[in-house]
Amino acid sequence: MKKIRMDEVKRSQTVICNGITLTVGTRHIGNGKWELFVENTYGVKSIWTEFFDSAKSAMREGIQSIESEGVESFSEMEGYEYLFNN
């Protein structure tokens, strides 16, 4: 079994497009599998239900999804208005 280095437990990358900032992140969940998420500046995450064999392939999928679906699809806050009521 391949040992996971501590610096390989989580990875993230900031993506800025059209003035919108998103974080693409991965987290090692065990058994050589990685979880993928895209988080907007309000802390709302889109989490994939499929897992990936490497952090690199997960990150690639996240960035490709932003490119193909558009940054707005990950930053839209409809249904999350309660986050603005402080």
C-alpha atoms as a PDB file:
ATOM      1  CA  MET A   1       0.000   0.000   0.000  1.00  0.00           C
ATOM      2  CA  LYS A   2       1.287   3.456  -0.938  1.00  0.00           C
ATOM      3  CA  LYS A   3       1.733   5.729   2.066  1.00  0.00           C
ATOM      4  CA  ILE A   4       0.173   9.178   1.847  1.00  0.00           C
ATOM      5  CA  ARG A   5       2.477  12.033   2.791  1.00  0.00           C
ATOM      6  CA  MET A   6       0.964  14.596   5.149  1.00  0.00           C
ATOM      7  CA  ASP A   7       1.221  17.314   2.485  1.00  0.00           C
ATOM      8  CA  GLU A   8      -0.903  15.102   0.225  1.00  0.00           C
ATOM      9  CA  VAL A   9      -3.934  14.969   2.523  1.00  0.00           C
ATOM     10  CA  LYS A  10      -5.435  18.179   1.089  1.00  0.00           C
ATOM     11  CA  ARG A  11      -4.755  20.315  -1.947  1.00  0.00           C
ATOM     12  CA  SER A  12      -6.374  23.498  -3.164  1.00  0.00           C
ATOM     13  CA  GLN A  13      -6.019  26.103  -5.871  1.00  0.00           C
ATOM     14  CA  THR A  14      -7.613  29.526  -6.220  1.00  0.00           C
ATOM     15  CA  VAL A  15      -9.275  30.306  -9.550  1.00  0.00           C
ATOM     16  CA  ILE A  16     -10.247  33.887 -10.443  1.00  0.00           C
ATOM     17  CA  CYS A  17     -12.392  34.438 -13.521  1.00  0.00           C
ATOM     18  CA  ASN A  18     -14.478  37.489 -14.435  1.00  0.00           C
ATOM     19  CA  GLY A  19     -13.723  38.927 -10.987  1.00  0.00           C
ATOM     20  CA  ILE A  20     -15.156  35.856  -9.215  1.00  0.00           C
ATOM     21  CA  THR A  21     -12.902  33.848  -6.888  1.00  0.00           C
ATOM     22  CA  LEU A  22     -13.393  30.116  -6.400  1.00  0.00           C
ATOM     23  CA  THR A  23     -11.329  27.515  -4.581  1.00  0.00           C
ATOM     24  CA  VAL A  24     -10.878  24.108  -6.199  1.00  0.00           C
ATOM     25  CA  GLY A  25      -9.924  21.607  -3.534  1.00  0.00           C
ATOM     26  CA  THR A  26      -9.291  17.934  -2.966  1.00  0.00           C
ATOM     27  CA  ARG A  27      -9.140  15.836   0.153  1.00  0.00           C
ATOM     28  CA  HIS A  28      -7.762  12.333   0.552  1.00  0.00           C
ATOM     29  CA  ILE A  29     -10.570  10.138   1.895  1.00  0.00           C
ATOM     30  CA  GLY A  30      -8.706   6.832   2.165  1.00  0.00           C
ATOM     31  CA  ASN A  31      -8.208   3.775  -0.015  1.00  0.00           C
ATOM     32  CA  GLY A  32      -6.323   5.886  -2.555  1.00  0.00           C
ATOM     33  CA  LYS A  33      -9.407   7.990  -3.341  1.00  0.00           C
ATOM     34  CA  TRP A  34      -9.779  11.759  -3.471  1.00  0.00           C
ATOM     35  CA  GLU A  35     -12.853  13.943  -2.979  1.00  0.00           C
ATOM     36  CA  LEU A  36     -13.307  17.069  -5.133  1.00  0.00           C
ATOM     37  CA  PHE A  37     -15.059  20.318  -4.273  1.00  0.00           C
ATOM     38  CA  VAL A  38     -15.392  23.848  -5.605  1.00  0.00           C
ATOM     39  CA  GLU A  39     -16.027  26.507  -2.952  1.00  0.00           C
ATOM     40  CA  ASN A  40     -17.182  30.072  -3.525  1.00  0.00           C
ATOM     41  CA  THR A  41     -16.322  33.122  -1.411  1.00  0.00           C
ATOM     42  CA  TYR A  42     -19.417  32.595   0.773  1.00  0.00           C
ATOM     43  CA  GLY A  43     -18.250  29.121   1.793  1.00  0.00           C
ATOM     44  CA  VAL A  44     -20.822  27.273  -0.326  1.00  0.00           C
ATOM     45  CA  LYS A  45     -19.284  24.092  -1.737  1.00  0.00           C
ATOM     46  CA  SER A  46     -20.181  21.985  -4.741  1.00  0.00           C
ATOM     47  CA  ILE A  47     -18.979  18.494  -3.816  1.00  0.00           C
ATOM     48  CA  TRP A  48     -18.612  15.756  -6.411  1.00  0.00           C
ATOM     49  CA  THR A  49     -20.217  12.401  -5.676  1.00  0.00           C
ATOM     50  CA  GLU A  50     -17.610  10.507  -7.661  1.00  0.00           C
ATOM     51  CA  PHE A  51     -14.126  10.010  -6.275  1.00  0.00           C
ATOM     52  CA  PHE A  52     -10.795  10.251  -8.067  1.00  0.00           C
ATOM     53  CA  ASP A  53      -7.642   8.142  -8.058  1.00  0.00           C
ATOM     54  CA  SER A  54      -5.354  11.135  -7.540  1.00  0.00           C
ATOM     55  CA  ALA A  55      -5.452  14.726  -6.355  1.00  0.00           C
ATOM     56  CA  LYS A  56      -4.142  15.783  -9.751  1.00  0.00           C
ATOM     57  CA  SER A  57      -6.996  14.161 -11.677  1.00  0.00           C
ATOM     58  CA  ALA A  58      -9.543  15.625  -9.229  1.00  0.00           C
ATOM     59  CA  MET A  59      -8.093  19.126  -9.585  1.00  0.00           C
ATOM     60  CA  ARG A  60      -8.067  18.777 -13.365  1.00  0.00           C
ATOM     61  CA  GLU A  61     -11.766  17.805 -13.337  1.00  0.00           C
ATOM     62  CA  GLY A  62     -12.660  20.740 -11.090  1.00  0.00           C
ATOM     63  CA  ILE A  63     -10.924  23.280 -13.306  1.00  0.00           C
ATOM     64  CA  GLN A  64     -12.401  21.752 -16.471  1.00  0.00           C
ATOM     65  CA  SER A  65     -15.871  21.931 -14.896  1.00  0.00           C
ATOM     66  CA  ILE A  66     -15.430  25.633 -14.144  1.00  0.00           C
ATOM     67  CA  GLU A  67     -14.272  26.210 -17.720  1.00  0.00           C
ATOM     68  CA  SER A  68     -17.132  24.254 -19.291  1.00  0.00           C
ATOM     69  CA  GLU A  69     -20.005  25.231 -16.952  1.00  0.00           C
ATOM     70  CA  GLY A  70     -18.893  28.780 -16.273  1.00  0.00           C
ATOM     71  CA  VAL A  71     -17.710  30.383 -13.067  1.00  0.00           C
ATOM     72  CA  GLU A  72     -21.193  31.770 -12.424  1.00  0.00           C
ATOM     73  CA  SER A  73     -22.657  28.286 -11.974  1.00  0.00           C
ATOM     74  CA  PHE A  74     -20.436  27.870  -8.891  1.00  0.00           C
ATOM     75  CA  SER A  75     -20.929  31.383  -7.534  1.00  0.00           C
ATOM     76  CA  GLU A  76     -24.725  31.689  -7.911  1.00  0.00           C
ATOM     77  CA  MET A  77     -26.271  32.214  -4.481  1.00  0.00           C
ATOM     78  CA  GLU A  78     -29.956  31.587  -5.251  1.00  0.00           C
ATOM     79  CA  GLY A  79     -31.359  29.559  -2.380  1.00  0.00           C
ATOM     80  CA  TYR A  80     -28.571  30.654  -0.036  1.00  0.00           C
ATOM     81  CA  GLU A  81     -29.790  34.185   0.695  1.00  0.00           C
ATOM     82  CA  TYR A  82     -29.950  33.357   4.409  1.00  0.00           C
ATOM     83  CA  LEU A  83     -26.154  33.532   4.467  1.00  0.00           C
ATOM     84  CA  PHE A  84     -26.409  37.298   3.935  1.00  0.00           C
ATOM     85  CA  ASN A  85     -28.779  37.894   6.873  1.00  0.00           C
ATOM     86  CA  ASN A  86     -26.471  38.629   9.781  1.00  0.00           C
END
